[in-house]
Structure formats: structure tokens, C-alpha cells
């Protein structure tokens, strides 16, 4: 069974859906120091409001509030349902500390006690 709605009702529903996405999302991207709000995020991309979305191509940083989540390489975009959808060529998760270039042993000492002090 297919339900058809008038154009006015469909436009109202789409506007309400976009407003709900705008209010609920804390996601944002940072491009060369300029921040833009992200409506949705999935494993292979993200979407923004089509009216305010910039023409993106290249490296962007994706944040959830103040938490830096990913450094992404954006390669493609398409508009669908009032949203501009961008796809990732690569999305690298941001680590809180530098990667080790050696294996850390489980029984390794935690600290070094200096031998300068008299015992």
C-alpha cells in the first residue's frame, strides 16, 4: 500500500525532520579554521544542510562537541532530501597519545629510581 502526501505536507515533514537533525546534532567539521554543523555521520561519510553546506574536497576534521574524532579526506558529494552528503576516502581516528614504535612489555618498570640519593 502506497501513501501519497501533498507537496505542502511533504515539505512540512521534510522541514521538521531537518530542524530536528539540526537541534540534535553536536557534530561539526573544521575546514581551515571555519566550522560547519554536521547533521548526520555514518562509517563512510556525513551530511550537512544543503543550503549552508560549503563545497568541500580535501582534508577536514570531524568533532563531536569539543572531542576531535576523525581527520577525514572528503572525495565526493551528492544532494539528497535537503542534505548534502559527503563521502570519505579515508577517515583516521584521532589518538590521544602518540603511537609506540616498540612493544611495551607487561612487566616493564613504571618509573626509574635515581641512585644519586644516599640510602
Protein backbone atom coordinates (compact mmCIF):
# COMPACT_ATOMS: atom_id res chain seq x y z
CA UNK A 1 0.00 0.00 0.00
CA UNK A 2 1.45 3.32 -1.04
CA UNK A 3 0.59 6.56 0.70
CA UNK A 4 0.89 9.78 -1.22
CA UNK A 5 1.06 13.13 0.53
CA UNK A 6 0.50 16.56 -0.92
CA UNK A 7 3.59 18.63 -1.74
CA UNK A 8 2.87 21.06 1.11
CA UNK A 9 2.59 18.29 3.71
CA UNK A 10 5.76 16.58 2.42
CA UNK A 11 7.64 19.89 2.50
CA UNK A 12 6.47 20.48 6.08
CA UNK A 13 7.60 17.00 7.14
CA UNK A 14 11.00 17.49 5.48
CA UNK A 15 11.44 20.87 7.19
CA UNK A 16 10.54 19.35 10.58
CA UNK A 17 13.00 16.49 10.03
CA UNK A 18 15.82 18.90 9.12
CA UNK A 19 15.09 21.07 12.16
CA UNK A 20 15.16 18.00 14.40
CA UNK A 21 18.54 16.97 12.96
CA UNK A 22 19.94 20.48 13.45
CA UNK A 23 18.90 20.58 17.11
CA UNK A 24 20.03 17.06 17.98
CA UNK A 25 23.49 17.05 16.40
CA UNK A 26 26.62 18.25 18.20
CA UNK A 27 28.80 17.13 15.31
CA UNK A 28 30.78 19.71 13.35
CA UNK A 29 33.62 19.87 10.89
CA UNK A 30 36.55 22.25 10.85
CA UNK A 31 37.91 23.32 7.46
CA UNK A 32 40.82 25.76 7.53
CA UNK A 33 39.61 27.25 10.82
CA UNK A 34 35.98 27.57 9.70
CA UNK A 35 33.39 25.42 11.49
CA UNK A 36 30.27 23.94 9.89
CA UNK A 37 27.48 21.89 11.52
CA UNK A 38 27.10 18.23 10.56
CA UNK A 39 23.60 16.72 10.63
CA UNK A 40 24.43 13.01 10.43
CA UNK A 41 27.54 10.82 10.43
CA UNK A 42 27.98 7.21 9.28
CA UNK A 43 31.00 4.98 8.66
CA UNK A 44 31.58 6.14 5.08
CA UNK A 45 30.56 9.79 5.29
CA UNK A 46 28.49 12.59 6.77
CA UNK A 47 25.76 15.00 5.73
CA UNK A 48 25.18 18.72 6.11
CA UNK A 49 22.28 21.07 5.38
CA UNK A 50 22.29 21.57 1.59
CA UNK A 51 21.50 25.29 1.91
CA UNK A 52 24.54 26.09 4.08
CA UNK A 53 26.99 23.35 3.08
CA UNK A 54 30.26 24.56 1.58
CA UNK A 55 31.84 22.91 -1.46
CA UNK A 56 34.17 20.50 0.32
CA UNK A 57 37.02 18.50 -1.11
CA UNK A 58 40.16 17.52 0.75
CA UNK A 59 41.12 17.29 4.40
CA UNK A 60 38.56 18.09 7.14
CA UNK A 61 38.47 17.47 10.90
CA UNK A 62 35.31 15.97 12.43
CA UNK A 63 34.40 16.91 16.02
CA UNK A 64 31.71 15.84 18.47
CA UNK A 65 31.40 18.94 20.62
CA UNK A 66 35.00 19.57 21.69
CA UNK A 67 36.20 16.00 21.11
CA UNK A 68 38.27 15.55 17.95
CA UNK A 69 37.00 12.27 16.42
CA UNK A 70 38.45 11.90 12.92
CA UNK A 71 40.71 13.52 10.39
CA UNK A 72 38.97 12.82 7.08
CA UNK A 73 39.73 13.06 3.39
CA UNK A 74 36.49 14.04 1.63
CA UNK A 75 36.22 12.98 -2.01
CA UNK A 76 32.58 13.06 -3.19
CA UNK A 77 29.25 14.77 -2.55
CA UNK A 78 25.64 14.48 -3.64
CA UNK A 79 22.43 16.20 -2.61
CA UNK A 80 19.51 14.14 -1.36
CA UNK A 81 16.42 15.23 0.57
CA UNK A 82 17.74 18.66 1.53
CA UNK A 83 21.04 17.22 2.76
CA UNK A 84 24.44 17.44 1.08
CA UNK A 85 26.11 14.06 1.57
CA UNK A 86 29.90 13.78 1.62
CA UNK A 87 31.88 10.54 1.41
CA UNK A 88 35.25 9.69 2.94
CA UNK A 89 38.20 8.32 1.03
CA UNK A 90 39.85 7.95 4.41
CA UNK A 91 38.79 8.66 8.00
CA UNK A 92 41.61 8.36 10.52
CA UNK A 93 40.61 8.13 14.17
CA UNK A 94 42.45 10.69 16.29
CA UNK A 95 44.55 9.14 19.09
CA UNK A 96 45.04 10.84 22.45
CA UNK A 97 48.74 9.95 22.59
CA UNK A 98 51.43 9.13 20.08
CA UNK A 99 51.76 5.57 18.81
CA UNK A 100 54.61 3.48 20.20
CA UNK A 101 57.23 2.23 17.79
CA UNK A 102 58.19 -0.63 20.10
CA UNK A 103 56.49 -3.35 22.11
CA UNK A 104 55.84 -2.43 25.74
CA UNK A 105 56.43 -5.42 27.99
CA UNK A 106 53.82 -6.17 30.64
CA UNK A 107 56.47 -6.48 33.40
CA UNK A 108 58.37 -3.30 32.43
CA UNK A 109 59.13 -0.85 35.29
CA UNK A 110 56.76 2.05 35.67
CA UNK A 111 59.33 4.55 36.96
CA UNK A 112 63.09 4.91 37.46
CA UNK A 113 64.54 5.46 40.92
CA UNK A 114 67.69 7.57 40.77
CA UNK A 115 70.78 6.23 42.57
CA UNK A 116 72.07 9.75 43.49
CA UNK A 117 70.38 9.84 46.87
CA UNK A 118 72.16 8.18 49.83
CA UNK A 119 70.39 5.17 51.22
